[in-house]
Amino acid sequence: MVDLERGKPALTRWRVLARDAGQAWTRVALEPVTGRSHQLRLHMASAGHPIIGDCLYGAAPAPRVQLHACRLGFVHPVSGAEMAFASPSSF
């Protein structure tokens, strides 16, 4: 949600990976610079391009929400080790 009084700024980097004008979709890579709840979903919807299947933010129903984390990384809270995981998208 957008909260103009108490909200914090959010930044998402994006780039187009593929387009299909006939199917009316564009595949994009999204990189959340900040870490706000629903940030990617809200940014895409506010740009007029809700994520396929994301009914909460204005998209038509689909078998699943077409949002997938291809890479995740963080520092382990106990060991301090850097953790990194990759998972190719199925769509």
N, C-alpha and C. Protein backbone atom coordinates (compact mmCIF):
# COMPACT_ATOMS: atom_id res chain seq x y z
N MET A 1 0.83 -1.18 0.00
CA MET A 1 0.00 0.00 0.00
C MET A 1 0.87 1.24 0.00
N VAL A 2 0.33 2.30 -0.45
CA VAL A 2 1.03 3.57 -0.44
C VAL A 2 0.50 4.38 0.74
N ASP A 3 1.40 4.82 1.60
CA ASP A 3 1.03 5.64 2.75
C ASP A 3 1.80 6.95 2.62
N LEU A 4 1.13 7.99 2.14
CA LEU A 4 1.79 9.27 1.87
C LEU A 4 2.23 9.99 3.13
N GLU A 5 1.66 9.64 4.28
CA GLU A 5 2.04 10.31 5.53
C GLU A 5 3.19 9.61 6.25
N ARG A 6 3.14 8.28 6.35
CA ARG A 6 4.15 7.54 7.11
C ARG A 6 4.98 6.60 6.25
N GLY A 7 4.67 6.51 4.96
CA GLY A 7 5.36 5.58 4.09
C GLY A 7 6.83 5.93 3.88
N LYS A 8 7.58 4.93 3.46
CA LYS A 8 9.00 5.11 3.18
C LYS A 8 9.22 4.94 1.68
N PRO A 9 10.25 5.59 1.14
CA PRO A 9 10.50 5.45 -0.29
C PRO A 9 10.93 4.02 -0.64
N ALA A 10 10.64 3.63 -1.87
CA ALA A 10 11.03 2.31 -2.36
C ALA A 10 11.58 2.48 -3.77
N LEU A 11 12.61 1.72 -4.09
CA LEU A 11 13.24 1.79 -5.40
C LEU A 11 13.36 0.39 -5.98
N THR A 12 12.91 0.23 -7.22
CA THR A 12 13.01 -1.03 -7.95
C THR A 12 13.71 -0.77 -9.27
N ARG A 13 14.77 -1.50 -9.55
CA ARG A 13 15.40 -1.46 -10.87
C ARG A 13 14.71 -2.49 -11.74
N TRP A 14 14.59 -2.20 -13.04
CA TRP A 14 13.93 -3.14 -13.93
C TRP A 14 14.55 -3.08 -15.32
N ARG A 15 14.42 -4.19 -16.07
CA ARG A 15 14.81 -4.21 -17.47
C ARG A 15 13.97 -5.23 -18.21
N VAL A 16 13.67 -4.94 -19.44
CA VAL A 16 12.85 -5.82 -20.28
C VAL A 16 13.71 -6.98 -20.75
N LEU A 17 13.18 -8.21 -20.60
CA LEU A 17 13.86 -9.41 -21.07
C LEU A 17 13.26 -9.93 -22.38
N ALA A 18 11.94 -9.84 -22.52
CA ALA A 18 11.26 -10.34 -23.71
C ALA A 18 9.88 -9.71 -23.80
N ARG A 19 9.35 -9.67 -25.04
CA ARG A 19 8.00 -9.13 -25.26
C ARG A 19 7.24 -10.06 -26.19
N ASP A 20 5.94 -10.14 -25.97
CA ASP A 20 5.05 -10.86 -26.88
C ASP A 20 3.82 -9.98 -27.07
N ALA A 21 3.84 -9.18 -28.13
CA ALA A 21 2.74 -8.25 -28.38
C ALA A 21 1.44 -8.99 -28.63
N GLY A 22 1.51 -10.15 -29.28
CA GLY A 22 0.30 -10.92 -29.56
C GLY A 22 -0.37 -11.43 -28.30
N GLN A 23 0.40 -11.80 -27.31
CA GLN A 23 -0.14 -12.28 -26.04
C GLN A 23 -0.29 -11.15 -25.03
N ALA A 24 0.18 -9.98 -25.38
CA ALA A 24 0.10 -8.78 -24.53
C ALA A 24 0.82 -8.95 -23.20
N TRP A 25 2.05 -9.48 -23.25
CA TRP A 25 2.84 -9.56 -22.03
C TRP A 25 4.28 -9.16 -22.31
N THR A 26 4.95 -8.73 -21.26
CA THR A 26 6.37 -8.40 -21.31
C THR A 26 7.03 -9.05 -20.11
N ARG A 27 8.12 -9.76 -20.35
CA ARG A 27 8.87 -10.38 -19.26
C ARG A 27 9.94 -9.39 -18.82
N VAL A 28 9.98 -9.09 -17.53
CA VAL A 28 10.94 -8.13 -17.01
C VAL A 28 11.73 -8.73 -15.86
N ALA A 29 12.95 -8.24 -15.70
CA ALA A 29 13.76 -8.58 -14.53
C ALA A 29 13.58 -7.41 -13.56
N LEU A 30 13.22 -7.71 -12.34
CA LEU A 30 13.01 -6.70 -11.31
C LEU A 30 14.05 -6.88 -10.21
N GLU A 31 14.63 -5.79 -9.77
CA GLU A 31 15.59 -5.84 -8.68
C GLU A 31 15.16 -4.86 -7.60
N PRO A 32 14.67 -5.36 -6.47
CA PRO A 32 14.28 -4.45 -5.39
C PRO A 32 15.53 -3.90 -4.70
N VAL A 33 15.74 -2.60 -4.79
CA VAL A 33 16.89 -1.97 -4.12
C VAL A 33 16.57 -1.81 -2.64
N THR A 34 15.35 -1.41 -2.36
CA THR A 34 14.88 -1.35 -0.97
C THR A 34 14.09 -2.64 -0.73
N GLY A 35 13.64 -2.88 0.44
CA GLY A 35 12.96 -4.12 0.75
C GLY A 35 11.61 -3.91 1.39
N ARG A 36 10.73 -3.25 0.70
CA ARG A 36 9.40 -2.98 1.24
C ARG A 36 8.45 -4.12 0.90
N SER A 37 7.47 -4.34 1.76
CA SER A 37 6.46 -5.37 1.52
C SER A 37 5.70 -5.10 0.23
N HIS A 38 5.57 -6.11 -0.59
CA HIS A 38 4.82 -6.04 -1.86
C HIS A 38 5.41 -5.03 -2.83
N GLN A 39 6.66 -4.63 -2.63
CA GLN A 39 7.27 -3.57 -3.43
C GLN A 39 7.19 -3.84 -4.92
N LEU A 40 7.60 -5.02 -5.37
CA LEU A 40 7.61 -5.30 -6.80
C LEU A 40 6.19 -5.33 -7.36
N ARG A 41 5.30 -5.94 -6.62
CA ARG A 41 3.90 -6.04 -7.06
C ARG A 41 3.26 -4.66 -7.17
N LEU A 42 3.49 -3.81 -6.19
CA LEU A 42 2.92 -2.47 -6.18
C LEU A 42 3.52 -1.59 -7.26
N HIS A 43 4.84 -1.67 -7.44
CA HIS A 43 5.47 -0.85 -8.48
C HIS A 43 4.97 -1.22 -9.86
N MET A 44 4.84 -2.50 -10.14
CA MET A 44 4.36 -2.92 -11.46
C MET A 44 2.90 -2.49 -11.65
N ALA A 45 2.08 -2.67 -10.66
CA ALA A 45 0.67 -2.29 -10.76
C ALA A 45 0.52 -0.77 -10.92
N SER A 46 1.31 0.00 -10.18
CA SER A 46 1.19 1.45 -10.27
C SER A 46 1.68 1.98 -11.62
N ALA A 47 2.51 1.20 -12.32
CA ALA A 47 2.95 1.58 -13.66
C ALA A 47 1.94 1.13 -14.72
N GLY A 48 0.85 0.50 -14.27
CA GLY A 48 -0.17 0.04 -15.21
C GLY A 48 0.09 -1.34 -15.77
N HIS A 49 1.02 -2.08 -15.15
CA HIS A 49 1.39 -3.41 -15.63
C HIS A 49 1.42 -4.41 -14.48
N PRO A 50 0.24 -4.76 -13.94
CA PRO A 50 0.25 -5.71 -12.82
C PRO A 50 0.84 -7.05 -13.26
N ILE A 51 1.44 -7.74 -12.33
CA ILE A 51 2.04 -9.05 -12.59
C ILE A 51 0.94 -10.05 -12.88
N ILE A 52 1.14 -10.86 -13.91
CA ILE A 52 0.14 -11.85 -14.31
C ILE A 52 -0.28 -12.68 -13.09
N GLY A 53 -1.57 -12.80 -12.88
CA GLY A 53 -2.11 -13.60 -11.79
C GLY A 53 -2.20 -12.89 -10.45
N ASP A 54 -1.72 -11.67 -10.35
CA ASP A 54 -1.72 -10.94 -9.08
C ASP A 54 -3.03 -10.17 -8.92
N CYS A 55 -4.07 -10.89 -8.53
CA CYS A 55 -5.41 -10.31 -8.41
C CYS A 55 -5.47 -9.19 -7.37
N LEU A 56 -4.65 -9.26 -6.35
CA LEU A 56 -4.65 -8.22 -5.31
C LEU A 56 -4.30 -6.85 -5.90
N TYR A 57 -3.47 -6.84 -6.95
CA TYR A 57 -3.03 -5.59 -7.55
C TYR A 57 -3.55 -5.40 -8.97
N GLY A 58 -4.70 -5.97 -9.28
CA GLY A 58 -5.39 -5.62 -10.50
C GLY A 58 -5.24 -6.53 -11.70
N ALA A 59 -4.54 -7.62 -11.59
CA ALA A 59 -4.40 -8.55 -12.72
C ALA A 59 -5.56 -9.54 -12.73
N ALA A 60 -5.80 -10.11 -13.89
CA ALA A 60 -6.81 -11.16 -14.01
C ALA A 60 -6.30 -12.44 -13.34
N PRO A 61 -7.20 -13.29 -12.88
CA PRO A 61 -6.77 -14.55 -12.28
C PRO A 61 -5.96 -15.40 -13.28
N ALA A 62 -5.01 -16.14 -12.76
CA ALA A 62 -4.18 -17.05 -13.53
C ALA A 62 -3.85 -18.23 -12.62
N PRO A 63 -3.34 -19.33 -13.19
CA PRO A 63 -3.00 -20.49 -12.35
C PRO A 63 -2.03 -20.17 -11.22
N ARG A 64 -1.18 -19.18 -11.42
CA ARG A 64 -0.25 -18.74 -10.36
C ARG A 64 0.18 -17.32 -10.65
N VAL A 65 0.70 -16.65 -9.64
CA VAL A 65 1.27 -15.33 -9.83
C VAL A 65 2.62 -15.52 -10.52
N GLN A 66 2.84 -14.80 -11.61
CA GLN A 66 4.06 -14.96 -12.38
C GLN A 66 5.18 -14.08 -11.82
N LEU A 67 5.54 -14.36 -10.58
CA LEU A 67 6.61 -13.66 -9.89
C LEU A 67 7.51 -14.73 -9.29
N HIS A 68 8.81 -14.66 -9.58
CA HIS A 68 9.73 -15.71 -9.15
C HIS A 68 11.07 -15.09 -8.77
N ALA A 69 11.60 -15.47 -7.63
CA ALA A 69 12.93 -15.00 -7.22
C ALA A 69 13.98 -15.93 -7.83
N CYS A 70 14.72 -15.42 -8.80
CA CYS A 70 15.77 -16.21 -9.45
C CYS A 70 17.03 -16.30 -8.59
N ARG A 71 17.27 -15.26 -7.79
CA ARG A 71 18.44 -15.24 -6.92
C ARG A 71 18.07 -14.64 -5.58
N LEU A 72 18.58 -15.24 -4.53
CA LEU A 72 18.43 -14.69 -3.18
C LEU A 72 19.78 -14.74 -2.50
N GLY A 73 20.09 -13.72 -1.73
CA GLY A 73 21.34 -13.72 -0.98
C GLY A 73 21.16 -12.99 0.33
N PHE A 74 21.84 -13.47 1.36
CA PHE A 74 21.78 -12.83 2.66
C PHE A 74 22.92 -13.34 3.53
N VAL A 75 23.16 -12.67 4.63
CA VAL A 75 24.14 -13.12 5.61
C VAL A 75 23.40 -13.93 6.66
N HIS A 76 23.88 -15.15 6.91
CA HIS A 76 23.24 -16.03 7.88
C HIS A 76 23.26 -15.36 9.26
N PRO A 77 22.11 -15.30 9.95
CA PRO A 77 22.04 -14.56 11.21
C PRO A 77 22.85 -15.18 12.35
N VAL A 78 23.15 -16.46 12.29
CA VAL A 78 23.90 -17.11 13.37
C VAL A 78 25.37 -17.24 13.02
N SER A 79 25.66 -17.83 11.86
CA SER A 79 27.06 -18.09 11.49
C SER A 79 27.75 -16.89 10.87
N GLY A 80 26.99 -15.95 10.33
CA GLY A 80 27.59 -14.81 9.65
C GLY A 80 28.05 -15.13 8.23
N ALA A 81 27.83 -16.37 7.80
CA ALA A 81 28.25 -16.77 6.45
C ALA A 81 27.34 -16.14 5.40
N GLU A 82 27.95 -15.78 4.27
CA GLU A 82 27.15 -15.27 3.16
C GLU A 82 26.46 -16.44 2.47
N MET A 83 25.16 -16.32 2.30
CA MET A 83 24.36 -17.38 1.68
C MET A 83 23.87 -16.88 0.33
N ALA A 84 23.87 -17.75 -0.66
CA ALA A 84 23.38 -17.38 -1.99
C ALA A 84 22.67 -18.58 -2.61
N PHE A 85 21.53 -18.33 -3.23
CA PHE A 85 20.74 -19.38 -3.84
C PHE A 85 20.26 -18.92 -5.20
N ALA A 86 20.21 -19.84 -6.15
CA ALA A 86 19.72 -19.53 -7.50
C ALA A 86 18.67 -20.56 -7.88
N SER A 87 17.65 -20.11 -8.60
CA SER A 87 16.57 -20.98 -9.04
C SER A 87 16.02 -20.43 -10.35
N PRO A 88 16.25 -21.10 -11.47
CA PRO A 88 15.73 -20.58 -12.73
C PRO A 88 14.21 -20.57 -12.75
N SER A 89 13.67 -19.60 -13.46
CA SER A 89 12.21 -19.48 -13.56
C SER A 89 11.64 -20.59 -14.44
N SER A 90 10.47 -21.05 -14.09
CA SER A 90 9.79 -22.07 -14.88
C SER A 90 8.88 -21.46 -15.93
N PHE A 91 8.83 -20.15 -16.03
CA PHE A 91 8.00 -19.49 -17.02
C PHE A 91 8.79 -18.42 -17.75
